[in-house]
Amino acid sequence: MNRRTLLGTMGALAATGTLARAAQTGPASDPVNVSREAETLYGRALVFDANLSPPVQDTFPFPAAMLDMVRQSGVNACKTSLGGIDESFEDTVAEIAFFQRIFEEYPNVFLQVRRHADFARARREGRMGVLLSFEAVSMLEDKVDRIELFRDLGVRVMQLSYNKTSPFGSGVLADPSGGLTKLGAKAIDAMHTHGVALDLSHSNEKTSFDALKASRVPALITHAGCAAIHPHPRNKSDALLRAVAEKGGAVGIYDLCYLTPSPKQPQLADYMAHMTHALNVCGEDHVGIGSDSALAPWDTSPAAAAEYAKHEQQRIKAGVAAPEEDRPLYVIGLNTPRRSEVIADALLKRGYKARVAEKVLGLNFTDALGRIWGDKAGCVIRGWRRGITPLRAHPTIAVLLRGAHTPTVTVLPCGAHPPPVILAKARTQRASVRERK
């Protein structure tokens, strides 16, 4: 059983009350006590979790309690990982088909995210958008052309490796000297060609920097922590976090046990130490939430603990278990389907402006995905003076017109702020910058 299956199964059990609550050693769900300001902000924000498993079960129909959990969570969209750590091509296709069946059976609850506009659509229609992704590359079987196939099935975020070495690169538990391979470079090129976002969450530092150098568009770290707060193979260095941000990507902070040294179970304050550090390093436009957990609260009953112990033995046997993977996969204080609301409240209480919390809740990731996919509205400078005709720009770039008849074009990443000298020249030509809708 892969972790996504485990999380989905345990989420289903938690949602339906199948596991005996009376036997639990901890709360089924942490209470959500937030300020009115945070509650209002959460209600109006676009809430996107960059790595989250919605509650599922193997058979239909799904229990009403499971669907109610989705509706009441306030999460507008999430990226969920399929294919496990080493699933075959056939098993992965079957898993995608299963999710397609979910979308078909519950069209009023779920919406498959295939393009940037689907994020806003999911929020507007009161559904949970689900963005399909891969962490492993086993389903590709060294065949780069399969990237296009899976993209056409709706998988729009992929990685180069899970924790170990792959034909494309090295994971966080592999030899630190291992980097991006020639085949990995071809895979990145194929991702660019077909509109698939590159996720570096499980890549080691060298592979990550190699990939950033090879990439023509921003890249993501959808779920990780900060090595400066707690050194761990799954936590990223400041240099890497900064590099991802400078290229226009986004970094998601997970709520896993790797946030703190063993045997401490991380608490909200520990999570916020990683979150605020990432904001300090990356800036307010490049940090979000990537829980790497299930929407349902982690179940602490003996039955669930036994299931998790079996799962961990499989990961240890496969050589993919990370150090300090000896505690339940949750953060005390965030063990709730509305964990993002708690994080927003914690940001506000630490003095961050509402605009920052709203970006962290989802906009930073959805904007980055739009830039990578090339289907998000960008910025264009429109000429006011007679003789200046605005150029039709690619959606992911900004075009600066400088000259009445033969303009020089300066290309900037979508969402970037033009340097002051460029803005000054634009103003002298009576040009204006506006967001292109």
Protein backbone atom coordinates (compact mmCIF):
# COMPACT_ATOMS: atom_id res chain seq x y z
CA MET A 1 0.00 0.00 0.00
CA ASN A 2 1.44 3.41 -0.96
CA ARG A 3 1.13 6.43 1.29
CA ARG A 4 -1.64 8.02 -0.78
CA THR A 5 -3.72 4.84 -0.50
CA LEU A 6 -3.02 4.69 3.22
CA LEU A 7 -4.04 8.31 3.72
CA GLY A 8 -7.15 7.92 1.63
CA THR A 9 -8.17 4.74 3.43
CA MET A 10 -7.56 6.16 6.89
CA GLY A 11 -9.38 9.32 5.85
CA ALA A 12 -12.37 7.25 4.84
CA LEU A 13 -12.32 5.42 8.15
CA ALA A 14 -12.10 8.68 10.05
CA ALA A 15 -14.90 10.23 8.02
CA THR A 16 -17.28 7.31 8.51
CA GLY A 17 -16.41 6.64 12.12
CA THR A 18 -15.42 3.03 11.37
CA LEU A 19 -12.47 3.16 13.71
CA ALA A 20 -13.46 3.03 17.37
CA ARG A 21 -13.36 6.55 18.71
CA ALA A 22 -13.60 5.39 22.29
CA ALA A 23 -10.23 3.68 21.97
CA GLN A 24 -8.38 6.72 20.65
CA THR A 25 -5.39 8.04 22.51
CA GLY A 26 -5.80 11.55 21.11
CA PRO A 27 -8.43 13.81 19.59
CA ALA A 28 -10.11 12.77 16.37
CA SER A 29 -9.79 16.33 15.13
CA ASP A 30 -8.14 19.37 16.63
CA PRO A 31 -10.67 22.10 17.44
CA VAL A 32 -10.62 25.10 15.13
CA ASN A 33 -10.64 28.26 17.21
CA VAL A 34 -9.69 31.17 14.98
CA SER A 35 -10.28 34.89 14.97
CA ARG A 36 -13.21 36.43 13.12
CA GLU A 37 -10.70 38.05 10.77
CA ALA A 38 -9.18 34.67 9.89
CA GLU A 39 -12.62 33.11 9.47
CA THR A 40 -13.67 35.88 7.08
CA LEU A 41 -10.39 35.68 5.16
CA TYR A 42 -10.68 31.91 4.79
CA GLY A 43 -14.21 32.28 3.51
CA ARG A 44 -13.24 34.64 0.70
CA ALA A 45 -9.80 33.21 -0.22
CA LEU A 46 -8.98 30.70 -2.91
CA VAL A 47 -7.75 27.82 -0.74
CA PHE A 48 -5.38 25.41 -2.48
CA ASP A 49 -3.33 22.70 -0.76
CA ALA A 50 -0.35 21.66 -2.89
CA ASN A 51 -0.29 18.05 -1.63
CA LEU A 52 -3.43 16.63 -0.06
CA SER A 53 -5.36 13.38 -0.34
CA PRO A 54 -9.16 13.68 -0.39
CA PRO A 55 -11.00 10.91 1.48
CA VAL A 56 -11.76 7.96 -0.79
CA GLN A 57 -12.73 4.32 -0.53
CA ASP A 58 -12.58 1.40 -2.96
CA THR A 59 -16.32 1.04 -3.50
CA PHE A 60 -19.21 3.26 -4.50
CA PRO A 61 -21.24 5.01 -3.25
CA PHE A 62 -19.14 7.08 -0.87
CA PRO A 63 -20.67 7.66 2.57
CA ALA A 64 -22.43 10.98 3.02
CA ALA A 65 -20.11 11.83 5.92
CA MET A 66 -17.09 11.57 3.63
CA LEU A 67 -18.57 13.92 1.07
CA ASP A 68 -19.71 16.31 3.79
CA MET A 69 -16.13 16.49 5.06
CA VAL A 70 -15.01 17.67 1.62
CA ARG A 71 -17.78 20.27 1.39
CA GLN A 72 -17.20 21.61 4.88
CA SER A 73 -13.41 21.76 4.71
CA GLY A 74 -13.27 25.09 2.92
CA VAL A 75 -10.57 23.69 0.61
CA ASN A 76 -11.30 24.83 -2.94
CA ALA A 77 -8.64 22.72 -4.65
CA CYS A 78 -5.78 20.37 -3.94
CA LYS A 79 -2.99 18.58 -5.75
CA THR A 80 -3.10 14.87 -5.01
CA SER A 81 -0.37 12.34 -5.81
CA LEU A 82 -1.07 9.13 -7.71
CA GLY A 83 1.18 6.25 -8.69
CA GLY A 84 2.66 5.67 -5.27
CA ILE A 85 6.43 5.27 -4.95
CA ASP A 86 6.89 2.54 -7.57
CA GLU A 87 3.59 1.66 -9.23
CA SER A 88 3.54 0.17 -12.70
CA PHE A 89 2.14 1.79 -15.82
CA GLU A 90 -0.97 -0.38 -15.67
CA ASP A 91 -1.66 0.22 -11.97
CA THR A 92 -1.20 3.96 -12.39
CA VAL A 93 -3.61 4.12 -15.33
CA ALA A 94 -6.11 2.17 -13.23
CA GLU A 95 -5.70 4.67 -10.38
CA ILE A 96 -6.30 7.59 -12.74
CA ALA A 97 -9.37 5.79 -14.07
CA PHE A 98 -10.62 5.42 -10.50
CA PHE A 99 -10.37 9.16 -9.95
CA GLN A 100 -12.14 9.77 -13.25
CA ARG A 101 -14.95 7.63 -11.89
CA ILE A 102 -15.04 9.76 -8.73
CA PHE A 103 -15.37 12.90 -10.84
CA GLU A 104 -18.18 11.22 -12.79
CA GLU A 105 -20.04 9.94 -9.74
CA TYR A 106 -19.81 13.16 -7.73
CA PRO A 107 -19.75 16.07 -10.18
CA ASN A 108 -21.27 18.39 -7.57
CA VAL A 109 -18.47 17.64 -5.11
CA PHE A 110 -15.31 17.23 -7.21
CA LEU A 111 -13.87 18.87 -10.31
CA GLN A 112 -10.74 17.73 -12.10
CA VAL A 113 -8.28 20.61 -12.46
CA ARG A 114 -6.81 20.59 -15.96
CA ARG A 115 -6.08 24.30 -16.46
CA HIS A 116 -5.56 27.41 -14.39
CA ALA A 117 -9.14 28.68 -14.76
CA ASP A 118 -10.41 25.53 -13.04
CA PHE A 119 -9.14 26.77 -9.67
CA ALA A 120 -11.46 29.76 -9.70
CA ARG A 121 -14.23 27.65 -11.20
CA ALA A 122 -14.01 25.13 -8.35
CA ARG A 123 -14.29 27.89 -5.77
CA ARG A 124 -17.11 29.63 -7.62
CA GLU A 125 -19.12 26.41 -7.94
CA GLY A 126 -18.48 25.20 -4.40
CA ARG A 127 -16.59 22.09 -5.48
CA MET A 128 -13.17 20.69 -4.61
CA GLY A 129 -10.82 20.89 -7.57
CA VAL A 130 -8.43 17.93 -7.76
CA LEU A 131 -5.14 18.29 -9.62
CA LEU A 132 -3.53 14.94 -10.40
CA SER A 133 0.24 14.54 -9.96
CA PHE A 134 3.07 12.02 -9.72
CA GLU A 135 5.90 11.72 -7.21
CA ALA A 136 7.58 8.65 -8.70
CA VAL A 137 8.56 7.96 -12.30
CA SER A 138 8.14 4.17 -12.31
CA MET A 139 4.99 4.40 -14.41
CA LEU A 140 6.97 6.10 -17.19
CA GLU A 141 9.29 3.08 -17.47
CA ASP A 142 12.09 5.26 -18.91
CA LYS A 143 9.75 6.31 -21.76
CA VAL A 144 9.76 10.11 -21.90
CA ASP A 145 6.94 10.10 -24.45
CA ARG A 146 4.61 8.82 -21.75
CA ILE A 147 4.74 12.29 -20.17
CA GLU A 148 2.45 13.49 -22.96
CA LEU A 149 0.12 10.53 -22.47
CA PHE A 150 -0.30 11.14 -18.76
CA ARG A 151 -0.61 14.88 -19.27
CA ASP A 152 -3.51 14.17 -21.62
CA LEU A 153 -5.06 12.13 -18.80
CA GLY A 154 -4.82 15.20 -16.58
CA VAL A 155 -1.55 14.64 -14.71
CA ARG A 156 -0.11 18.16 -14.78
CA VAL A 157 2.57 18.00 -12.04
CA MET A 158 5.42 15.46 -12.04
CA GLN A 159 8.68 14.82 -10.22
CA LEU A 160 12.04 13.42 -11.32
CA SER A 161 12.43 10.88 -8.54
CA TYR A 162 10.97 9.72 -5.29
CA ASN A 163 13.45 9.40 -2.41
CA LYS A 164 15.90 7.13 -4.23
CA THR A 165 17.72 7.26 -7.58
CA SER A 166 15.68 7.11 -10.77
CA PRO A 167 16.59 7.18 -14.48
CA PHE A 168 15.93 10.95 -14.33
CA GLY A 169 17.78 12.04 -11.19
CA SER A 170 18.48 11.43 -7.53
CA GLY A 171 16.14 11.62 -4.57
CA VAL A 172 16.77 12.96 -1.09
CA LEU A 173 17.97 9.58 0.25
CA ALA A 174 20.28 8.88 -2.70
CA ASP A 175 23.95 9.75 -3.15
CA PRO A 176 24.22 13.53 -2.67
CA SER A 177 26.56 13.75 -5.66
CA GLY A 178 23.93 12.30 -7.99
CA GLY A 179 22.27 14.87 -10.19
CA LEU A 180 20.04 15.29 -13.20
CA THR A 181 20.66 12.68 -15.90
CA LYS A 182 20.54 13.18 -19.67
CA LEU A 183 17.22 11.36 -19.71
CA GLY A 184 16.04 13.61 -16.90
CA ALA A 185 16.89 16.68 -18.98
CA LYS A 186 14.81 15.23 -21.82
CA ALA A 187 11.98 14.64 -19.36
CA ILE A 188 12.08 18.28 -18.25
CA ASP A 189 11.98 19.38 -21.87
CA ALA A 190 8.96 17.15 -22.46
CA MET A 191 7.25 18.61 -19.40
CA HIS A 192 7.77 22.10 -20.81
CA THR A 193 6.47 21.08 -24.21
CA HIS A 194 3.29 19.52 -22.84
CA GLY A 195 2.53 21.90 -19.99
CA VAL A 196 3.50 19.77 -16.99
CA ALA A 197 4.85 21.47 -13.88
CA LEU A 198 8.13 20.19 -12.42
CA ASP A 199 8.04 19.40 -8.68
CA LEU A 200 11.36 19.08 -6.81
CA SER A 201 9.97 17.99 -3.43
CA HIS A 202 11.72 14.60 -3.36
CA SER A 203 14.80 15.49 -5.41
CA ASN A 204 18.15 15.93 -3.71
CA GLU A 205 19.91 19.29 -3.77
CA LYS A 206 22.14 18.64 -6.78
CA THR A 207 19.34 17.25 -8.91
CA SER A 208 17.18 20.21 -7.90
CA PHE A 209 19.75 22.83 -8.88
CA ASP A 210 20.52 20.97 -12.11
CA ALA A 211 16.82 20.89 -12.90
CA LEU A 212 16.36 24.59 -12.19
CA LYS A 213 19.23 25.35 -14.54
CA ALA A 214 17.72 23.14 -17.25
CA SER A 215 14.20 24.46 -16.82
CA ARG A 216 12.87 27.24 -19.03
CA VAL A 217 9.96 27.94 -16.68
CA PRO A 218 9.49 28.08 -12.89
CA ALA A 219 9.56 24.92 -10.82
CA LEU A 220 7.80 23.95 -7.59
CA ILE A 221 8.55 22.40 -4.24
CA THR A 222 5.01 21.43 -3.31
CA HIS A 223 5.70 19.84 0.07
CA ALA A 224 8.81 20.17 2.21
CA GLY A 225 10.24 21.92 5.27
CA CYS A 226 13.17 24.23 5.96
CA ALA A 227 16.56 22.66 6.74
CA ALA A 228 17.57 25.82 8.61
CA ILE A 229 14.86 25.06 11.18
CA HIS A 230 15.42 21.30 11.36
CA PRO A 231 18.13 19.57 9.28
CA HIS A 232 16.54 16.60 7.54
CA PRO A 233 16.82 15.07 4.04
CA ARG A 234 13.25 16.11 3.23
CA ASN A 235 13.81 19.71 4.34
CA LYS A 236 15.31 22.16 1.86
CA SER A 237 18.27 24.53 2.19
CA ASP A 238 17.80 28.28 2.10
CA ALA A 239 19.80 28.38 -1.12
CA LEU A 240 17.38 26.01 -2.86
CA LEU A 241 14.28 27.71 -1.47
CA ARG A 242 15.59 31.06 -2.67
CA ALA A 243 16.46 29.67 -6.11
CA VAL A 244 12.96 28.29 -6.61
CA ALA A 245 11.45 31.62 -5.60
CA GLU A 246 13.78 33.66 -7.80
CA LYS A 247 12.75 31.56 -10.80
CA GLY A 248 9.10 32.33 -10.13
CA GLY A 249 8.04 29.10 -8.43
CA ALA A 250 6.41 28.34 -5.09
CA VAL A 251 7.29 26.33 -1.98
CA GLY A 252 4.76 24.47 0.17
CA ILE A 253 5.30 23.66 3.83
CA TYR A 254 4.12 20.21 4.90
CA ASP A 255 2.68 19.15 8.24
CA LEU A 256 4.72 15.99 8.72
CA CYS A 257 6.81 14.74 11.61
CA TYR A 258 10.01 15.84 9.82
CA LEU A 259 9.45 19.37 11.10
CA THR A 260 10.98 18.49 14.48
CA PRO A 261 13.62 16.12 15.83
CA SER A 262 12.40 12.71 16.98
CA PRO A 263 10.64 11.84 19.24
CA LYS A 264 8.80 15.17 19.48
CA GLN A 265 5.43 15.30 17.75
CA PRO A 266 5.42 18.69 15.98
CA GLN A 267 2.96 21.33 17.12
CA LEU A 268 1.50 24.41 15.45
CA ALA A 269 4.37 26.61 16.70
CA ASP A 270 6.88 24.25 15.05
CA TYR A 271 4.97 24.39 11.78
CA MET A 272 4.86 28.17 11.88
CA ALA A 273 8.63 28.31 12.48
CA HIS A 274 9.09 26.64 9.09
CA MET A 275 6.37 28.73 7.44
CA THR A 276 7.70 32.09 8.63
CA HIS A 277 11.27 31.11 7.78
CA ALA A 278 10.20 30.22 4.25
CA LEU A 279 8.43 33.57 3.94
CA ASN A 280 11.59 35.35 5.09
CA VAL A 281 13.73 33.48 2.55
CA CYS A 282 11.37 33.30 -0.43
CA GLY A 283 9.19 36.37 0.00
CA GLU A 284 5.44 36.62 0.37
CA ASP A 285 4.73 35.71 -3.27
CA HIS A 286 6.33 32.27 -3.28
CA VAL A 287 5.19 30.30 -0.21
CA GLY A 288 2.10 28.17 0.29
CA ILE A 289 0.71 25.09 2.01
CA GLY A 290 1.49 21.53 0.92
CA SER A 291 0.23 19.34 3.76
CA ASP A 292 1.41 15.99 2.35
CA SER A 293 -1.40 14.46 4.34
CA ALA A 294 -5.04 13.53 4.08
CA LEU A 295 -7.91 15.97 4.27
CA ALA A 296 -9.33 13.87 7.10
CA PRO A 297 -7.72 14.23 10.52
CA TRP A 298 -5.10 11.67 11.41
CA ASP A 299 -6.74 8.85 13.37
CA THR A 300 -4.84 7.99 16.54
CA SER A 301 -6.81 4.84 17.42
CA PRO A 302 -4.96 1.54 17.98
CA ALA A 303 -6.43 0.12 14.76
CA ALA A 304 -5.11 3.03 12.72
CA ALA A 305 -1.74 2.90 14.47
CA ALA A 306 -1.41 -0.78 13.57
CA GLU A 307 -2.25 -0.05 9.93
CA TYR A 308 0.31 2.73 9.83
CA ALA A 309 2.97 0.48 11.41
CA LYS A 310 2.47 -2.09 8.63
CA HIS A 311 2.75 0.64 6.04
CA GLU A 312 5.99 1.92 7.55
CA GLN A 313 7.50 -1.56 7.48
CA GLN A 314 6.81 -1.66 3.75
CA ARG A 315 8.54 1.71 3.29
CA ILE A 316 11.55 0.58 5.33
CA LYS A 317 11.79 -2.65 3.31
CA ALA A 318 11.62 -0.63 0.08
CA GLY A 319 14.39 1.69 1.28
CA VAL A 320 12.30 4.84 0.95
CA ALA A 321 11.53 5.57 4.60
CA ALA A 322 13.11 8.85 5.66
CA PRO A 323 15.02 9.31 8.93
CA GLU A 324 12.83 10.07 11.96
CA GLU A 325 9.81 8.55 10.25
CA ASP A 326 8.83 7.10 13.59
CA ARG A 327 5.85 9.25 14.56
CA PRO A 328 2.33 9.79 13.24
CA LEU A 329 2.06 12.04 10.19
CA TYR A 330 0.34 15.06 11.68
CA VAL A 331 0.97 18.31 13.53
CA ILE A 332 -0.76 18.91 16.85
CA GLY A 333 -3.03 21.88 16.28
CA LEU A 334 -3.41 21.19 12.55
CA ASN A 335 -5.11 17.80 12.76
CA THR A 336 -8.30 19.04 11.13
CA PRO A 337 -9.76 19.29 7.61
CA ARG A 338 -9.64 23.08 8.07
CA ARG A 339 -5.92 23.18 8.87
CA SER A 340 -5.31 25.94 6.31
CA GLU A 341 -7.70 28.20 8.23
CA VAL A 342 -5.64 27.63 11.37
CA ILE A 343 -2.46 28.51 9.48
CA ALA A 344 -4.05 31.73 8.18
CA ASP A 345 -5.06 32.64 11.72
CA ALA A 346 -1.53 31.95 12.97
CA LEU A 347 -0.08 34.21 10.27
CA LEU A 348 -2.43 37.05 11.22
CA LYS A 349 -1.61 36.64 14.92
CA ARG A 350 2.09 36.91 14.05
CA GLY A 351 1.55 40.26 12.41
CA TYR A 352 1.33 39.26 8.75
CA LYS A 353 -1.09 41.25 6.62
CA ALA A 354 -4.27 39.65 5.30
CA ARG A 355 -2.89 39.86 1.75
CA VAL A 356 0.07 37.66 2.75
CA ALA A 357 -2.17 35.07 4.40
CA GLU A 358 -4.41 35.00 1.33
CA LYS A 359 -1.42 34.39 -0.94
CA VAL A 360 -0.21 31.57 1.32
CA LEU A 361 -3.68 30.02 1.38
CA GLY A 362 -3.55 29.37 -2.33
CA LEU A 363 -2.84 32.24 -4.71
CA ASN A 364 0.92 31.78 -4.74
CA PHE A 365 0.65 28.21 -5.95
CA THR A 366 -2.19 28.72 -8.40
CA ASP A 367 -0.42 31.74 -9.90
CA ALA A 368 2.82 29.77 -10.23
CA LEU A 369 0.99 26.90 -11.92
CA GLY A 370 -0.61 29.33 -14.33
CA ARG A 371 2.80 30.73 -15.23
CA ILE A 372 4.22 27.27 -15.76
CA TRP A 373 1.29 25.94 -17.78
CA GLY A 374 1.09 29.11 -19.82
CA ASP A 375 -2.67 29.59 -19.47
CA LYS A 376 -2.85 32.33 -16.85
CA ALA A 377 -3.53 35.94 -17.80
CA GLY A 378 -0.30 37.90 -17.78
CA CYS A 379 0.69 41.53 -17.84
CA VAL A 380 0.83 43.67 -20.93
CA ILE A 381 1.80 47.30 -21.38
CA ARG A 382 -0.75 49.14 -23.45
CA GLY A 383 0.34 52.21 -25.38
CA TRP A 384 -1.74 55.34 -25.06
CA ARG A 385 0.17 57.49 -27.53
CA ARG A 386 -0.82 57.47 -31.13
CA GLY A 387 1.39 55.17 -33.15
CA ILE A 388 2.00 52.67 -30.34
CA THR A 389 0.18 49.42 -30.93
CA PRO A 390 0.21 46.89 -28.10
CA LEU A 391 1.74 43.58 -29.11
CA ARG A 392 -0.18 40.38 -28.60
CA ALA A 393 1.82 38.64 -25.87
CA HIS A 394 2.12 35.02 -24.83
CA PRO A 395 -0.05 34.68 -21.71
CA THR A 396 2.92 34.02 -19.45
CA ILE A 397 5.10 36.99 -20.32
CA ALA A 398 4.89 40.71 -19.96
CA VAL A 399 5.64 42.86 -22.97
CA LEU A 400 7.06 46.34 -22.64
CA LEU A 401 6.69 48.64 -25.62
CA ARG A 402 9.49 51.12 -25.99
CA GLY A 403 9.26 53.09 -29.21
CA ALA A 404 6.45 54.33 -31.42
CA HIS A 405 7.01 52.24 -34.53
CA THR A 406 9.71 49.63 -33.91
CA PRO A 407 9.34 48.89 -30.21
CA THR A 408 11.98 47.06 -28.24
CA VAL A 409 10.44 44.25 -26.27
CA THR A 410 11.52 43.43 -22.72
CA VAL A 411 10.24 40.07 -21.48
CA LEU A 412 9.49 39.61 -17.79
CA PRO A 413 7.99 36.67 -15.90
CA CYS A 414 4.26 36.99 -15.50
CA GLY A 415 3.57 38.66 -12.17
CA ALA A 416 7.06 40.16 -11.93
CA HIS A 417 7.50 43.85 -11.20
CA PRO A 418 9.39 45.72 -13.94
CA PRO A 419 12.56 47.46 -12.70
CA PRO A 420 12.12 51.17 -11.86
CA VAL A 421 14.18 52.27 -14.88
CA ILE A 422 11.85 50.32 -17.18
CA LEU A 423 8.76 51.80 -15.55
CA ALA A 424 10.23 55.29 -15.89
CA LYS A 425 10.74 54.79 -19.63
CA ALA A 426 7.23 53.41 -19.93
CA ARG A 427 5.80 56.46 -18.19
CA THR A 428 7.66 58.84 -20.50
CA GLN A 429 5.84 57.17 -23.39
CA ARG A 430 2.53 57.49 -21.57
CA ALA A 431 2.14 53.74 -21.38
CA SER A 432 0.28 52.02 -18.59
CA VAL A 433 0.68 48.62 -16.99
CA ARG A 434 -2.46 46.71 -16.25
CA GLU A 435 -3.36 43.12 -15.50
CA ARG A 436 -4.56 41.34 -18.60
CA LYS A 437 -7.79 39.49 -17.87
